[in-house]
Every structure is written in structure tokens, then in C-alpha cells.
Amino acid sequence: MISFRHEVFFEVANHLSFAKASQVLNLSQPATSRHIKSLEELYKTSLFGRVGNAFVT
């Protein structure tokens, strides 16, 4: 079973958007960002490449 934080990660990755993932998960955008930040701290790596507000692959 995966944690809710991992579900948040999958939604952000699927939509490539924190805002869209937030809507799907019925969370605020800052809460979504905090979940991703928590995973990044846990794994000690950046999970998404970012340039400003855009994701990079």
C-alpha cells in the first residue's frame, strides 16, 4: 500500500502541474507542495525539475 504522499506525487507527475493535481486530490496547492517537499527531503533528491513555474523533463 502506498502512502498518501506518494499518491500526491503520482497525480503531480500525471498532470505535470501542482495546481491540477491539487484539484483532483481536493487539496490546496500549498498542501500539495508540502507533500512533494516532504518526499524530496525523505529521498534527499529533487523529484521534479523546475524552471520558474514550469516543469522540465
PDB file of N, CA and C in Angstrom:
ATOM      1  N   MET A   1       0.839  -1.182   0.000  1.00  0.00           N
ATOM      2  CA  MET A   1       0.000   0.000   0.000  1.00  0.00           C
ATOM      3  C   MET A   1       0.884   1.245   0.000  1.00  0.00           C
ATOM      4  N   ILE A   2       0.533   2.196  -0.834  1.00  0.00           N
ATOM      5  CA  ILE A   2       1.333   3.415  -0.911  1.00  0.00           C
ATOM      6  C   ILE A   2       0.750   4.476   0.010  1.00  0.00           C
ATOM      7  N   SER A   3       1.603   5.391   0.414  1.00  0.00           N
ATOM      8  CA  SER A   3       1.153   6.467   1.292  1.00  0.00           C
ATOM      9  C   SER A   3       0.422   7.543   0.488  1.00  0.00           C
ATOM     10  N   PHE A   4      -0.286   8.388   1.195  1.00  0.00           N
ATOM     11  CA  PHE A   4      -0.991   9.482   0.524  1.00  0.00           C
ATOM     12  C   PHE A   4       0.006  10.411  -0.161  1.00  0.00           C
ATOM     13  N   ARG A   5       1.169  10.609   0.438  1.00  0.00           N
ATOM     14  CA  ARG A   5       2.185  11.470  -0.189  1.00  0.00           C
ATOM     15  C   ARG A   5       2.602  10.911  -1.540  1.00  0.00           C
ATOM     16  N   HIS A   6       2.686   9.606  -1.640  1.00  0.00           N
ATOM     17  CA  HIS A   6       3.033   9.001  -2.924  1.00  0.00           C
ATOM     18  C   HIS A   6       1.894   9.166  -3.935  1.00  0.00           C
ATOM     19  N   GLU A   7       0.651   9.109  -3.466  1.00  0.00           N
ATOM     20  CA  GLU A   7      -0.481   9.368  -4.355  1.00  0.00           C
ATOM     21  C   GLU A   7      -0.411  10.801  -4.892  1.00  0.00           C
ATOM     22  N   VAL A   8      -0.039  11.741  -4.013  1.00  0.00           N
ATOM     23  CA  VAL A   8       0.128  13.132  -4.444  1.00  0.00           C
ATOM     24  C   VAL A   8       1.207  13.207  -5.513  1.00  0.00           C
ATOM     25  N   PHE A   9       2.327  12.523  -5.288  1.00  0.00           N
ATOM     26  CA  PHE A   9       3.402  12.501  -6.277  1.00  0.00           C
ATOM     27  C   PHE A   9       2.901  11.992  -7.627  1.00  0.00           C
ATOM     28  N   PHE A  10       2.152  10.887  -7.626  1.00  0.00           N
ATOM     29  CA  PHE A  10       1.651  10.312  -8.878  1.00  0.00           C
ATOM     30  C   PHE A  10       0.732  11.285  -9.610  1.00  0.00           C
ATOM     31  N   GLU A  11      -0.105  12.000  -8.876  1.00  0.00           N
ATOM     32  CA  GLU A  11      -1.012  12.962  -9.519  1.00  0.00           C
ATOM     33  C   GLU A  11      -0.236  14.136 -10.112  1.00  0.00           C
ATOM     34  N   VAL A  12       0.745  14.643  -9.375  1.00  0.00           N
ATOM     35  CA  VAL A  12       1.551  15.751  -9.904  1.00  0.00           C
ATOM     36  C   VAL A  12       2.298  15.289 -11.146  1.00  0.00           C
ATOM     37  N   ALA A  13       2.871  14.098 -11.098  1.00  0.00           N
ATOM     38  CA  ALA A  13       3.602  13.564 -12.252  1.00  0.00           C
ATOM     39  C   ALA A  13       2.658  13.344 -13.432  1.00  0.00           C
ATOM     40  N   ASN A  14       1.467  12.871 -13.174  1.00  0.00           N
ATOM     41  CA  ASN A  14       0.498  12.613 -14.228  1.00  0.00           C
ATOM     42  C   ASN A  14       0.063  13.900 -14.933  1.00  0.00           C
ATOM     43  N   HIS A  15      -0.152  14.954 -14.151  1.00  0.00           N
ATOM     44  CA  HIS A  15      -0.651  16.221 -14.705  1.00  0.00           C
ATOM     45  C   HIS A  15       0.457  17.229 -14.997  1.00  0.00           C
ATOM     46  N   LEU A  16       1.661  16.956 -14.479  1.00  0.00           N
ATOM     47  CA  LEU A  16       2.769  17.918 -14.559  1.00  0.00           C
ATOM     48  C   LEU A  16       2.333  19.301 -14.096  1.00  0.00           C
ATOM     49  N   SER A  17       1.536  19.300 -13.031  1.00  0.00           N
ATOM     50  CA  SER A  17       1.009  20.548 -12.500  1.00  0.00           C
ATOM     51  C   SER A  17       0.600  20.333 -11.047  1.00  0.00           C
ATOM     52  N   PHE A  18       1.135  21.168 -10.165  1.00  0.00           N
ATOM     53  CA  PHE A  18       0.718  21.107  -8.770  1.00  0.00           C
ATOM     54  C   PHE A  18      -0.734  21.552  -8.638  1.00  0.00           C
ATOM     55  N   ALA A  19      -1.122  22.564  -9.391  1.00  0.00           N
ATOM     56  CA  ALA A  19      -2.482  23.096  -9.298  1.00  0.00           C
ATOM     57  C   ALA A  19      -3.519  22.062  -9.758  1.00  0.00           C
ATOM     58  N   LYS A  20      -3.265  21.408 -10.891  1.00  0.00           N
ATOM     59  CA  LYS A  20      -4.216  20.406 -11.397  1.00  0.00           C
ATOM     60  C   LYS A  20      -4.286  19.202 -10.464  1.00  0.00           C
ATOM     61  N   ALA A  21      -3.137  18.770  -9.960  1.00  0.00           N
ATOM     62  CA  ALA A  21      -3.132  17.655  -9.010  1.00  0.00           C
ATOM     63  C   ALA A  21      -3.892  18.029  -7.746  1.00  0.00           C
ATOM     64  N   SER A  22      -3.741  19.258  -7.304  1.00  0.00           N
ATOM     65  CA  SER A  22      -4.452  19.732  -6.117  1.00  0.00           C
ATOM     66  C   SER A  22      -5.954  19.648  -6.310  1.00  0.00           C
ATOM     67  N   GLN A  23      -6.427  20.028  -7.488  1.00  0.00           N
ATOM     68  CA  GLN A  23      -7.861  19.968  -7.774  1.00  0.00           C
ATOM     69  C   GLN A  23      -8.356  18.528  -7.749  1.00  0.00           C
ATOM     70  N   VAL A  24      -7.612  17.619  -8.377  1.00  0.00           N
ATOM     71  CA  VAL A  24      -8.006  16.208  -8.424  1.00  0.00           C
ATOM     72  C   VAL A  24      -8.052  15.617  -7.017  1.00  0.00           C
ATOM     73  N   LEU A  25      -7.086  15.980  -6.189  1.00  0.00           N
ATOM     74  CA  LEU A  25      -6.979  15.431  -4.838  1.00  0.00           C
ATOM     75  C   LEU A  25      -7.799  16.199  -3.814  1.00  0.00           C
ATOM     76  N   ASN A  26      -8.389  17.298  -4.242  1.00  0.00           N
ATOM     77  CA  ASN A  26      -9.170  18.161  -3.350  1.00  0.00           C
ATOM     78  C   ASN A  26      -8.311  18.683  -2.191  1.00  0.00           C
ATOM     79  N   LEU A  27      -7.111  19.146  -2.544  1.00  0.00           N
ATOM     80  CA  LEU A  27      -6.174  19.741  -1.600  1.00  0.00           C
ATOM     81  C   LEU A  27      -5.860  21.161  -2.049  1.00  0.00           C
ATOM     82  N   SER A  28      -5.323  21.944  -1.131  1.00  0.00           N
ATOM     83  CA  SER A  28      -4.823  23.249  -1.537  1.00  0.00           C
ATOM     84  C   SER A  28      -3.493  23.050  -2.249  1.00  0.00           C
ATOM     85  N   GLN A  29      -3.119  23.998  -3.085  1.00  0.00           N
ATOM     86  CA  GLN A  29      -1.842  23.899  -3.792  1.00  0.00           C
ATOM     87  C   GLN A  29      -0.668  23.911  -2.808  1.00  0.00           C
ATOM     88  N   PRO A  30      -0.702  24.751  -1.757  1.00  0.00           N
ATOM     89  CA  PRO A  30       0.409  24.700  -0.800  1.00  0.00           C
ATOM     90  C   PRO A  30       0.527  23.343  -0.086  1.00  0.00           C
ATOM     91  N   ALA A  31      -0.596  22.696   0.185  1.00  0.00           N
ATOM     92  CA  ALA A  31      -0.551  21.369   0.821  1.00  0.00           C
ATOM     93  C   ALA A  31       0.089  20.353  -0.126  1.00  0.00           C
ATOM     94  N   THR A  32      -0.255  20.447  -1.396  1.00  0.00           N
ATOM     95  CA  THR A  32       0.339  19.553  -2.389  1.00  0.00           C
ATOM     96  C   THR A  32       1.848  19.773  -2.449  1.00  0.00           C
ATOM     97  N   SER A  33       2.260  21.013  -2.470  1.00  0.00           N
ATOM     98  CA  SER A  33       3.691  21.335  -2.489  1.00  0.00           C
ATOM     99  C   SER A  33       4.408  20.801  -1.251  1.00  0.00           C
ATOM    100  N   ARG A  34       3.756  20.896  -0.101  1.00  0.00           N
ATOM    101  CA  ARG A  34       4.369  20.384   1.138  1.00  0.00           C
ATOM    102  C   ARG A  34       4.547  18.860   1.088  1.00  0.00           C
ATOM    103  N   HIS A  35       3.570  18.153   0.519  1.00  0.00           N
ATOM    104  CA  HIS A  35       3.700  16.700   0.393  1.00  0.00           C
ATOM    105  C   HIS A  35       4.896  16.343  -0.495  1.00  0.00           C
ATOM    106  N   ILE A  36       5.042  17.060  -1.603  1.00  0.00           N
ATOM    107  CA  ILE A  36       6.168  16.791  -2.507  1.00  0.00           C
ATOM    108  C   ILE A  36       7.482  17.151  -1.825  1.00  0.00           C
ATOM    109  N   LYS A  37       7.504  18.265  -1.141  1.00  0.00           N
ATOM    110  CA  LYS A  37       8.729  18.676  -0.436  1.00  0.00           C
ATOM    111  C   LYS A  37       9.115  17.637   0.620  1.00  0.00           C
ATOM    112  N   SER A  38       8.130  17.097   1.297  1.00  0.00           N
ATOM    113  CA  SER A  38       8.396  16.071   2.301  1.00  0.00           C
ATOM    114  C   SER A  38       9.028  14.831   1.670  1.00  0.00           C
ATOM    115  N   LEU A  39       8.511  14.407   0.517  1.00  0.00           N
ATOM    116  CA  LEU A  39       9.101  13.266  -0.183  1.00  0.00           C
ATOM    117  C   LEU A  39      10.511  13.578  -0.666  1.00  0.00           C
ATOM    118  N   GLU A  40      10.722  14.800  -1.149  1.00  0.00           N
ATOM    119  CA  GLU A  40      12.059  15.191  -1.608  1.00  0.00           C
ATOM    120  C   GLU A  40      13.055  15.157  -0.454  1.00  0.00           C
ATOM    121  N   GLU A  41      12.625  15.569   0.730  1.00  0.00           N
ATOM    122  CA  GLU A  41      13.507  15.518   1.898  1.00  0.00           C
ATOM    123  C   GLU A  41      13.752  14.071   2.328  1.00  0.00           C
ATOM    124  N   LEU A  42      12.722  13.236   2.242  1.00  0.00           N
ATOM    125  CA  LEU A  42      12.853  11.830   2.605  1.00  0.00           C
ATOM    126  C   LEU A  42      13.855  11.123   1.703  1.00  0.00           C
ATOM    127  N   TYR A  43      13.739  11.350   0.391  1.00  0.00           N
ATOM    128  CA  TYR A  43      14.601  10.687  -0.575  1.00  0.00           C
ATOM    129  C   TYR A  43      15.876  11.471  -0.893  1.00  0.00           C
ATOM    130  N   LYS A  44      15.990  12.668  -0.320  1.00  0.00           N
ATOM    131  CA  LYS A  44      17.173  13.521  -0.491  1.00  0.00           C
ATOM    132  C   LYS A  44      17.504  13.778  -1.965  1.00  0.00           C
ATOM    133  N   THR A  45      16.449  14.069  -2.735  1.00  0.00           N
ATOM    134  CA  THR A  45      16.618  14.388  -4.150  1.00  0.00           C
ATOM    135  C   THR A  45      15.424  15.205  -4.627  1.00  0.00           C
ATOM    136  N   SER A  46      15.628  15.903  -5.707  1.00  0.00           N
ATOM    137  CA  SER A  46      14.534  16.637  -6.329  1.00  0.00           C
ATOM    138  C   SER A  46      13.722  15.664  -7.181  1.00  0.00           C
ATOM    139  N   LEU A  47      12.417  15.652  -6.995  1.00  0.00           N
ATOM    140  CA  LEU A  47      11.567  14.728  -7.741  1.00  0.00           C
ATOM    141  C   LEU A  47      11.108  15.298  -9.075  1.00  0.00           C
ATOM    142  N   PHE A  48      11.112  16.613  -9.187  1.00  0.00           N
ATOM    143  CA  PHE A  48      10.698  17.275 -10.417  1.00  0.00           C
ATOM    144  C   PHE A  48      11.703  18.362 -10.759  1.00  0.00           C
ATOM    145  N   GLY A  49      12.071  18.432 -12.039  1.00  0.00           N
ATOM    146  CA  GLY A  49      12.887  19.540 -12.493  1.00  0.00           C
ATOM    147  C   GLY A  49      11.980  20.754 -12.685  1.00  0.00           C
ATOM    148  N   ARG A  50      12.408  21.882 -12.211  1.00  0.00           N
ATOM    149  CA  ARG A  50      11.572  23.079 -12.304  1.00  0.00           C
ATOM    150  C   ARG A  50      12.399  24.241 -12.841  1.00  0.00           C
ATOM    151  N   VAL A  51      11.789  25.022 -13.700  1.00  0.00           N
ATOM    152  CA  VAL A  51      12.347  26.290 -14.146  1.00  0.00           C
ATOM    153  C   VAL A  51      11.243  27.302 -13.961  1.00  0.00           C
ATOM    154  N   GLY A  52      11.378  28.125 -12.941  1.00  0.00           N
ATOM    155  CA  GLY A  52      10.286  29.041 -12.613  1.00  0.00           C
ATOM    156  C   GLY A  52       9.073  28.235 -12.208  1.00  0.00           C
ATOM    157  N   ASN A  53       7.963  28.459 -12.888  1.00  0.00           N
ATOM    158  CA  ASN A  53       6.742  27.730 -12.580  1.00  0.00           C
ATOM    159  C   ASN A  53       6.536  26.518 -13.490  1.00  0.00           C
ATOM    160  N   ALA A  54       7.470  26.245 -14.381  1.00  0.00           N
ATOM    161  CA  ALA A  54       7.287  25.165 -15.343  1.00  0.00           C
ATOM    162  C   ALA A  54       8.137  23.940 -14.970  1.00  0.00           C
ATOM    163  N   PHE A  55       7.628  22.781 -15.309  1.00  0.00           N
ATOM    164  CA  PHE A  55       8.370  21.544 -15.133  1.00  0.00           C
ATOM    165  C   PHE A  55       9.256  21.340 -16.348  1.00  0.00           C
ATOM    166  N   VAL A  56      10.412  20.721 -16.125  1.00  0.00           N
ATOM    167  CA  VAL A  56      11.287  20.347 -17.244  1.00  0.00           C
ATOM    168  C   VAL A  56      11.515  18.845 -17.164  1.00  0.00           C
ATOM    169  N   THR A  57      11.714  18.230 -18.306  1.00  0.00           N
ATOM    170  CA  THR A  57      11.909  16.786 -18.324  1.00  0.00           C
ATOM    171  C   THR A  57      13.370  16.436 -18.441  1.00  0.00           C
TER     172      THR A  57
END
